[in-house]
Amino acid sequence: MTRQEYMDMYDAVGVAMEVYNTLGRCLDEHIYQEAFAIEANMRGMDIEREKKLSLAYKGIELQKVFFADFYYKGIIIEFKSVEELASVHRAQLLNYMRISNQDRGILFNFGETNLHSERYLYLPEEDDFVLLTHENYRFYITN
């Protein structure tokens, strides 16, 4: 991940923070999605809402499709508004990242006392996902 790719994730988190600080917590996630789209647009961010994700098997596109809440510069973004994130919420984001062949994803939860965000990086060589934290993100930034 380049420094710019990391900064793109940082920008998306900034938009979500503004939305959370303005609306507060525990509203329906669709409200946060609409506000996020408005705020991103106000900041000049070219963000795609309800990004269609499809998958092929041996060159044949499967009928099952998924829709990520947002797509921004190679980042899959998912919203939740629940008391606490669960493994099923994380699995949804990681699944979408794999399906779309994107190596970055952000999971936001607007239902907690403070905005909760988790930034993930997919390492295809290792077929593994890494939760980016303040302690480890520099390790994954390349020039």
N, C-alpha and C. Protein backbone atom coordinates (compact mmCIF):
# COMPACT_ATOMS: atom_id res chain seq x y z
N MET A 1 0.85 -1.16 0.00
CA MET A 1 0.00 0.00 0.00
C MET A 1 0.90 1.23 0.00
N THR A 2 0.61 2.15 -0.90
CA THR A 2 1.39 3.37 -0.95
C THR A 2 0.91 4.35 0.13
N ARG A 3 1.72 5.36 0.36
CA ARG A 3 1.32 6.40 1.32
C ARG A 3 0.02 7.05 0.87
N GLN A 4 -0.13 7.30 -0.44
CA GLN A 4 -1.35 7.92 -0.95
C GLN A 4 -2.55 7.01 -0.73
N GLU A 5 -2.38 5.72 -0.94
CA GLU A 5 -3.48 4.77 -0.71
C GLU A 5 -3.89 4.78 0.76
N TYR A 6 -2.92 4.90 1.64
CA TYR A 6 -3.25 4.99 3.06
C TYR A 6 -3.98 6.31 3.34
N MET A 7 -3.53 7.39 2.74
CA MET A 7 -4.18 8.69 2.95
C MET A 7 -5.61 8.69 2.42
N ASP A 8 -5.87 7.94 1.36
CA ASP A 8 -7.25 7.82 0.85
C ASP A 8 -8.14 7.16 1.91
N MET A 9 -7.61 6.18 2.61
CA MET A 9 -8.36 5.55 3.71
C MET A 9 -8.58 6.57 4.83
N TYR A 10 -7.56 7.32 5.12
CA TYR A 10 -7.63 8.36 6.15
C TYR A 10 -8.71 9.39 5.80
N ASP A 11 -8.79 9.78 4.53
CA ASP A 11 -9.81 10.73 4.09
C ASP A 11 -11.22 10.17 4.29
N ALA A 12 -11.42 8.89 3.99
CA ALA A 12 -12.73 8.27 4.17
C ALA A 12 -13.12 8.23 5.65
N VAL A 13 -12.15 7.96 6.50
CA VAL A 13 -12.41 7.97 7.95
C VAL A 13 -12.80 9.39 8.39
N GLY A 14 -12.15 10.38 7.84
CA GLY A 14 -12.48 11.77 8.18
C GLY A 14 -13.90 12.13 7.82
N VAL A 15 -14.37 11.64 6.68
CA VAL A 15 -15.76 11.88 6.27
C VAL A 15 -16.71 11.22 7.27
N ALA A 16 -16.43 9.96 7.62
CA ALA A 16 -17.28 9.25 8.57
C ALA A 16 -17.29 9.93 9.93
N MET A 17 -16.16 10.45 10.36
CA MET A 17 -16.10 11.15 11.64
C MET A 17 -16.98 12.40 11.62
N GLU A 18 -16.95 13.13 10.54
CA GLU A 18 -17.80 14.32 10.42
C GLU A 18 -19.27 13.93 10.48
N VAL A 19 -19.64 12.87 9.78
CA VAL A 19 -21.02 12.39 9.79
C VAL A 19 -21.42 11.99 11.21
N TYR A 20 -20.58 11.23 11.87
CA TYR A 20 -20.88 10.79 13.24
C TYR A 20 -20.99 11.98 14.19
N ASN A 21 -20.06 12.91 14.10
CA ASN A 21 -20.08 14.08 14.98
C ASN A 21 -21.30 14.95 14.74
N THR A 22 -21.82 14.95 13.54
CA THR A 22 -22.99 15.76 13.21
C THR A 22 -24.29 15.06 13.60
N LEU A 23 -24.39 13.75 13.31
CA LEU A 23 -25.66 13.02 13.51
C LEU A 23 -25.73 12.27 14.84
N GLY A 24 -24.59 11.96 15.43
CA GLY A 24 -24.62 11.15 16.65
C GLY A 24 -24.72 9.68 16.32
N ARG A 25 -25.07 8.89 17.32
CA ARG A 25 -25.03 7.43 17.15
C ARG A 25 -26.41 6.81 17.10
N CYS A 26 -26.43 5.56 16.68
CA CYS A 26 -27.58 4.65 16.75
C CYS A 26 -28.72 4.96 15.79
N LEU A 27 -28.46 5.70 14.74
CA LEU A 27 -29.48 5.86 13.70
C LEU A 27 -29.38 4.69 12.74
N ASP A 28 -30.33 4.57 11.86
CA ASP A 28 -30.30 3.52 10.85
C ASP A 28 -29.09 3.72 9.94
N GLU A 29 -28.44 2.65 9.56
CA GLU A 29 -27.21 2.79 8.77
C GLU A 29 -27.44 3.48 7.43
N HIS A 30 -28.65 3.38 6.89
CA HIS A 30 -28.94 4.05 5.62
C HIS A 30 -28.86 5.57 5.75
N ILE A 31 -29.19 6.09 6.92
CA ILE A 31 -29.06 7.53 7.16
C ILE A 31 -27.59 7.93 7.11
N TYR A 32 -26.75 7.14 7.75
CA TYR A 32 -25.31 7.43 7.72
C TYR A 32 -24.76 7.31 6.30
N GLN A 33 -25.25 6.34 5.55
CA GLN A 33 -24.78 6.18 4.17
C GLN A 33 -25.12 7.41 3.33
N GLU A 34 -26.33 7.89 3.47
CA GLU A 34 -26.73 9.06 2.69
C GLU A 34 -25.91 10.29 3.10
N ALA A 35 -25.75 10.48 4.40
CA ALA A 35 -24.96 11.61 4.88
C ALA A 35 -23.50 11.49 4.45
N PHE A 36 -22.95 10.27 4.47
CA PHE A 36 -21.57 10.03 4.04
C PHE A 36 -21.41 10.42 2.57
N ALA A 37 -22.36 10.03 1.74
CA ALA A 37 -22.30 10.37 0.32
C ALA A 37 -22.33 11.88 0.12
N ILE A 38 -23.17 12.57 0.88
CA ILE A 38 -23.26 14.02 0.79
C ILE A 38 -21.95 14.67 1.21
N GLU A 39 -21.43 14.25 2.37
CA GLU A 39 -20.19 14.83 2.89
C GLU A 39 -19.02 14.56 1.95
N ALA A 40 -18.92 13.35 1.43
CA ALA A 40 -17.84 13.03 0.49
C ALA A 40 -17.94 13.89 -0.75
N ASN A 41 -19.15 14.06 -1.24
CA ASN A 41 -19.36 14.90 -2.42
C ASN A 41 -18.96 16.34 -2.13
N MET A 42 -19.30 16.85 -0.94
CA MET A 42 -18.94 18.21 -0.55
C MET A 42 -17.41 18.38 -0.50
N ARG A 43 -16.71 17.31 -0.21
CA ARG A 43 -15.24 17.35 -0.14
C ARG A 43 -14.58 17.04 -1.48
N GLY A 44 -15.40 16.83 -2.51
CA GLY A 44 -14.86 16.57 -3.84
C GLY A 44 -14.34 15.16 -4.04
N MET A 45 -14.79 14.25 -3.20
CA MET A 45 -14.35 12.85 -3.30
C MET A 45 -15.25 12.10 -4.29
N ASP A 46 -14.65 11.42 -5.24
CA ASP A 46 -15.39 10.65 -6.23
C ASP A 46 -15.67 9.27 -5.64
N ILE A 47 -16.82 9.16 -4.99
CA ILE A 47 -17.15 7.94 -4.26
C ILE A 47 -18.34 7.27 -4.94
N GLU A 48 -18.31 5.95 -5.00
CA GLU A 48 -19.38 5.19 -5.64
C GLU A 48 -20.21 4.48 -4.57
N ARG A 49 -21.51 4.72 -4.59
CA ARG A 49 -22.42 4.11 -3.62
C ARG A 49 -23.03 2.84 -4.21
N GLU A 50 -23.25 1.84 -3.35
CA GLU A 50 -23.84 0.57 -3.76
C GLU A 50 -23.05 -0.05 -4.92
N LYS A 51 -21.77 -0.25 -4.70
CA LYS A 51 -20.88 -0.82 -5.71
C LYS A 51 -21.23 -2.29 -5.92
N LYS A 52 -21.56 -2.63 -7.16
CA LYS A 52 -21.91 -4.00 -7.51
C LYS A 52 -20.65 -4.85 -7.56
N LEU A 53 -20.68 -5.99 -6.87
CA LEU A 53 -19.56 -6.92 -6.84
C LEU A 53 -20.02 -8.26 -7.37
N SER A 54 -19.31 -8.79 -8.32
CA SER A 54 -19.66 -10.11 -8.86
C SER A 54 -18.40 -10.97 -8.89
N LEU A 55 -18.62 -12.24 -9.07
CA LEU A 55 -17.52 -13.21 -9.02
C LEU A 55 -17.70 -14.22 -10.14
N ALA A 56 -16.58 -14.64 -10.71
CA ALA A 56 -16.62 -15.65 -11.76
C ALA A 56 -16.02 -16.95 -11.24
N TYR A 57 -16.53 -18.04 -11.75
CA TYR A 57 -15.99 -19.36 -11.46
C TYR A 57 -15.56 -19.99 -12.78
N LYS A 58 -14.25 -20.22 -12.93
CA LYS A 58 -13.67 -20.79 -14.15
C LYS A 58 -14.15 -20.04 -15.39
N GLY A 59 -14.13 -18.70 -15.27
CA GLY A 59 -14.46 -17.85 -16.40
C GLY A 59 -15.95 -17.61 -16.60
N ILE A 60 -16.77 -18.20 -15.77
CA ILE A 60 -18.22 -18.01 -15.89
C ILE A 60 -18.71 -17.17 -14.72
N GLU A 61 -19.34 -16.05 -15.06
CA GLU A 61 -19.81 -15.16 -13.99
C GLU A 61 -20.96 -15.81 -13.23
N LEU A 62 -20.82 -15.81 -11.92
CA LEU A 62 -21.87 -16.37 -11.07
C LEU A 62 -23.05 -15.41 -11.01
N GLN A 63 -24.24 -15.96 -10.80
CA GLN A 63 -25.45 -15.14 -10.74
C GLN A 63 -25.51 -14.32 -9.45
N LYS A 64 -24.95 -14.84 -8.39
CA LYS A 64 -24.99 -14.15 -7.11
C LYS A 64 -24.13 -12.89 -7.18
N VAL A 65 -24.73 -11.76 -6.84
CA VAL A 65 -23.99 -10.50 -6.78
C VAL A 65 -24.16 -9.91 -5.39
N PHE A 66 -23.22 -9.06 -5.02
CA PHE A 66 -23.25 -8.38 -3.74
C PHE A 66 -23.12 -6.89 -4.01
N PHE A 67 -23.46 -6.09 -3.02
CA PHE A 67 -23.34 -4.65 -3.16
C PHE A 67 -22.64 -4.09 -1.93
N ALA A 68 -21.45 -3.55 -2.15
CA ALA A 68 -20.72 -2.89 -1.07
C ALA A 68 -21.37 -1.52 -0.85
N ASP A 69 -21.39 -1.06 0.38
CA ASP A 69 -22.00 0.24 0.67
C ASP A 69 -21.34 1.34 -0.15
N PHE A 70 -19.99 1.36 -0.17
CA PHE A 70 -19.26 2.37 -0.91
C PHE A 70 -17.97 1.79 -1.48
N TYR A 71 -17.52 2.44 -2.54
CA TYR A 71 -16.24 2.13 -3.15
C TYR A 71 -15.56 3.47 -3.40
N TYR A 72 -14.33 3.59 -2.92
CA TYR A 72 -13.59 4.84 -3.09
C TYR A 72 -12.12 4.54 -3.32
N LYS A 73 -11.65 4.84 -4.52
CA LYS A 73 -10.23 4.69 -4.87
C LYS A 73 -9.66 3.34 -4.43
N GLY A 74 -10.36 2.27 -4.76
CA GLY A 74 -9.88 0.93 -4.44
C GLY A 74 -10.18 0.47 -3.03
N ILE A 75 -11.01 1.20 -2.31
CA ILE A 75 -11.36 0.85 -0.92
C ILE A 75 -12.81 0.41 -0.86
N ILE A 76 -13.05 -0.76 -0.30
CA ILE A 76 -14.41 -1.22 -0.04
C ILE A 76 -14.79 -0.69 1.34
N ILE A 77 -15.94 -0.01 1.43
CA ILE A 77 -16.38 0.60 2.68
C ILE A 77 -17.74 0.05 3.05
N GLU A 78 -17.84 -0.46 4.28
CA GLU A 78 -19.09 -1.02 4.79
C GLU A 78 -19.51 -0.30 6.06
N PHE A 79 -20.80 -0.09 6.21
CA PHE A 79 -21.38 0.59 7.37
C PHE A 79 -22.20 -0.37 8.20
N LYS A 80 -22.13 -0.19 9.50
CA LYS A 80 -23.00 -0.87 10.46
C LYS A 80 -23.44 0.16 11.49
N SER A 81 -24.57 -0.10 12.11
CA SER A 81 -25.03 0.72 13.23
C SER A 81 -25.58 -0.25 14.28
N VAL A 82 -24.66 -0.88 14.97
CA VAL A 82 -25.00 -1.91 15.95
C VAL A 82 -24.30 -1.61 17.27
N GLU A 83 -24.75 -2.27 18.33
CA GLU A 83 -24.15 -2.05 19.64
C GLU A 83 -22.67 -2.40 19.65
N GLU A 84 -22.33 -3.49 18.97
CA GLU A 84 -20.94 -3.93 18.91
C GLU A 84 -20.73 -4.75 17.64
N LEU A 85 -19.60 -4.53 16.97
CA LEU A 85 -19.29 -5.31 15.78
C LEU A 85 -19.08 -6.77 16.14
N ALA A 86 -19.51 -7.64 15.25
CA ALA A 86 -19.34 -9.08 15.44
C ALA A 86 -18.54 -9.64 14.27
N SER A 87 -18.11 -10.86 14.41
CA SER A 87 -17.29 -11.49 13.36
C SER A 87 -18.03 -11.55 12.03
N VAL A 88 -19.34 -11.67 12.04
CA VAL A 88 -20.11 -11.71 10.80
C VAL A 88 -19.99 -10.38 10.03
N HIS A 89 -19.89 -9.27 10.74
CA HIS A 89 -19.73 -7.97 10.09
C HIS A 89 -18.36 -7.87 9.43
N ARG A 90 -17.35 -8.34 10.12
CA ARG A 90 -16.00 -8.33 9.57
C ARG A 90 -15.91 -9.28 8.37
N ALA A 91 -16.52 -10.43 8.51
CA ALA A 91 -16.49 -11.42 7.42
C ALA A 91 -17.14 -10.85 6.16
N GLN A 92 -18.18 -10.08 6.31
CA GLN A 92 -18.83 -9.46 5.14
C GLN A 92 -17.85 -8.55 4.40
N LEU A 93 -17.16 -7.68 5.14
CA LEU A 93 -16.20 -6.78 4.50
C LEU A 93 -15.08 -7.57 3.84
N LEU A 94 -14.51 -8.53 4.54
CA LEU A 94 -13.40 -9.30 3.99
C LEU A 94 -13.84 -10.08 2.76
N ASN A 95 -15.04 -10.61 2.77
CA ASN A 95 -15.60 -11.30 1.62
C ASN A 95 -15.71 -10.35 0.43
N TYR A 96 -16.22 -9.15 0.67
CA TYR A 96 -16.35 -8.16 -0.40
C TYR A 96 -14.98 -7.75 -0.96
N MET A 97 -14.00 -7.64 -0.09
CA MET A 97 -12.66 -7.30 -0.55
C MET A 97 -12.13 -8.38 -1.48
N ARG A 98 -12.33 -9.61 -1.11
CA ARG A 98 -11.85 -10.74 -1.93
C ARG A 98 -12.58 -10.80 -3.26
N ILE A 99 -13.91 -10.69 -3.19
CA ILE A 99 -14.72 -10.77 -4.41
C ILE A 99 -14.32 -9.69 -5.40
N SER A 100 -14.10 -8.48 -4.90
CA SER A 100 -13.78 -7.35 -5.76
C SER A 100 -12.29 -7.25 -6.10
N ASN A 101 -11.50 -8.11 -5.48
CA ASN A 101 -10.04 -8.10 -5.70
C ASN A 101 -9.42 -6.77 -5.26
N GLN A 102 -9.95 -6.20 -4.19
CA GLN A 102 -9.42 -4.95 -3.63
C GLN A 102 -8.66 -5.28 -2.35
N ASP A 103 -7.54 -4.59 -2.16
CA ASP A 103 -6.71 -4.93 -1.00
C ASP A 103 -6.96 -4.06 0.22
N ARG A 104 -7.86 -3.07 0.11
CA ARG A 104 -8.14 -2.21 1.26
C ARG A 104 -9.63 -2.16 1.54
N GLY A 105 -9.96 -2.13 2.84
CA GLY A 105 -11.36 -2.05 3.23
C GLY A 105 -11.49 -1.36 4.58
N ILE A 106 -12.65 -0.71 4.78
CA ILE A 106 -12.93 -0.05 6.04
C ILE A 106 -14.32 -0.46 6.50
N LEU A 107 -14.42 -0.83 7.76
CA LEU A 107 -15.69 -1.17 8.39
C LEU A 107 -15.98 -0.11 9.44
N PHE A 108 -17.12 0.58 9.29
CA PHE A 108 -17.52 1.61 10.24
C PHE A 108 -18.70 1.12 11.06
N ASN A 109 -18.69 1.42 12.35
CA ASN A 109 -19.86 1.16 13.20
C ASN A 109 -20.28 2.47 13.86
N PHE A 110 -21.48 2.90 13.52
CA PHE A 110 -22.04 4.14 14.04
C PHE A 110 -22.90 3.91 15.27
N GLY A 111 -22.97 2.68 15.79
CA GLY A 111 -23.84 2.36 16.91
C GLY A 111 -23.17 2.41 18.27
N GLU A 112 -21.88 2.62 18.31
CA GLU A 112 -21.17 2.64 19.59
C GLU A 112 -21.08 4.07 20.13
N THR A 113 -20.61 4.19 21.36
CA THR A 113 -20.50 5.50 22.01
C THR A 113 -19.64 6.45 21.19
N ASN A 114 -18.60 5.95 20.57
CA ASN A 114 -17.76 6.71 19.64
C ASN A 114 -17.75 5.97 18.31
N LEU A 115 -17.52 6.71 17.23
CA LEU A 115 -17.41 6.06 15.92
C LEU A 115 -16.30 5.01 15.99
N HIS A 116 -16.62 3.82 15.57
CA HIS A 116 -15.64 2.73 15.55
C HIS A 116 -15.32 2.44 14.09
N SER A 117 -14.03 2.41 13.77
CA SER A 117 -13.63 2.06 12.41
C SER A 117 -12.51 1.03 12.47
N GLU A 118 -12.55 0.12 11.52
CA GLU A 118 -11.51 -0.88 11.38
C GLU A 118 -11.04 -0.85 9.92
N ARG A 119 -9.75 -0.67 9.74
CA ARG A 119 -9.15 -0.62 8.41
C ARG A 119 -8.40 -1.92 8.17
N TYR A 120 -8.68 -2.54 7.03
CA TYR A 120 -8.08 -3.83 6.72
C TYR A 120 -7.28 -3.75 5.43
N LEU A 121 -6.25 -4.57 5.39
CA LEU A 121 -5.41 -4.72 4.22
C LEU A 121 -5.38 -6.21 3.87
N TYR A 122 -5.61 -6.51 2.61
CA TYR A 122 -5.53 -7.91 2.15
C TYR A 122 -4.17 -8.15 1.54
N LEU A 123 -3.52 -9.20 1.98
CA LEU A 123 -2.21 -9.60 1.46
C LEU A 123 -2.40 -10.85 0.61
N PRO A 124 -2.59 -10.70 -0.70
CA PRO A 124 -2.90 -11.86 -1.54
C PRO A 124 -1.81 -12.92 -1.57
N GLU A 125 -0.53 -12.50 -1.45
CA GLU A 125 0.57 -13.48 -1.48
C GLU A 125 0.44 -14.46 -0.31
N GLU A 126 -0.07 -13.97 0.80
CA GLU A 126 -0.22 -14.79 2.00
C GLU A 126 -1.66 -15.24 2.20
N ASP A 127 -2.56 -14.75 1.35
CA ASP A 127 -3.99 -15.00 1.49
C ASP A 127 -4.44 -14.71 2.92
N ASP A 128 -4.12 -13.51 3.37
CA ASP A 128 -4.41 -13.13 4.75
C ASP A 128 -4.85 -11.67 4.80
N PHE A 129 -5.62 -11.35 5.83
CA PHE A 129 -6.07 -9.99 6.07
C PHE A 129 -5.40 -9.46 7.33
N VAL A 130 -5.04 -8.18 7.29
CA VAL A 130 -4.39 -7.55 8.42
C VAL A 130 -5.25 -6.37 8.88
N LEU A 131 -5.52 -6.32 10.17
CA LEU A 131 -6.17 -5.15 10.76
C LEU A 131 -5.10 -4.09 10.95
N LEU A 132 -5.27 -2.96 10.27
CA LEU A 132 -4.29 -1.88 10.40
C LEU A 132 -4.56 -1.11 11.68
N THR A 133 -3.51 -0.91 12.46
CA THR A 133 -3.62 -0.17 13.72
C THR A 133 -2.60 0.96 13.71
N HIS A 134 -2.66 1.79 14.74
CA HIS A 134 -1.68 2.87 14.87
C HIS A 134 -0.27 2.32 15.05
N GLU A 135 -0.18 1.10 15.56
CA GLU A 135 1.13 0.50 15.80
C GLU A 135 1.74 -0.16 14.57
N ASN A 136 0.90 -0.67 13.64
CA ASN A 136 1.46 -1.47 12.56
C ASN A 136 1.31 -0.90 11.15
N TYR A 137 0.52 0.14 10.96
CA TYR A 137 0.21 0.57 9.59
C TYR A 137 1.46 1.01 8.82
N ARG A 138 2.43 1.59 9.48
CA ARG A 138 3.65 2.05 8.79
C ARG A 138 4.41 0.89 8.15
N PHE A 139 4.31 -0.27 8.75
CA PHE A 139 4.99 -1.46 8.24
C PHE A 139 4.49 -1.83 6.84
N TYR A 140 3.23 -1.48 6.55
CA TYR A 140 2.61 -1.89 5.28
C TYR A 140 2.63 -0.80 4.22
N ILE A 141 3.19 0.35 4.53
CA ILE A 141 3.27 1.43 3.54
C ILE A 141 4.57 1.31 2.77
N THR A 142 4.42 1.33 1.44
CA THR A 142 5.59 1.30 0.55
C THR A 142 5.71 2.65 -0.13
N ASN A 143 6.82 2.88 -0.75
CA ASN A 143 7.01 4.17 -1.46
C ASN A 143 6.43 4.16 -2.83
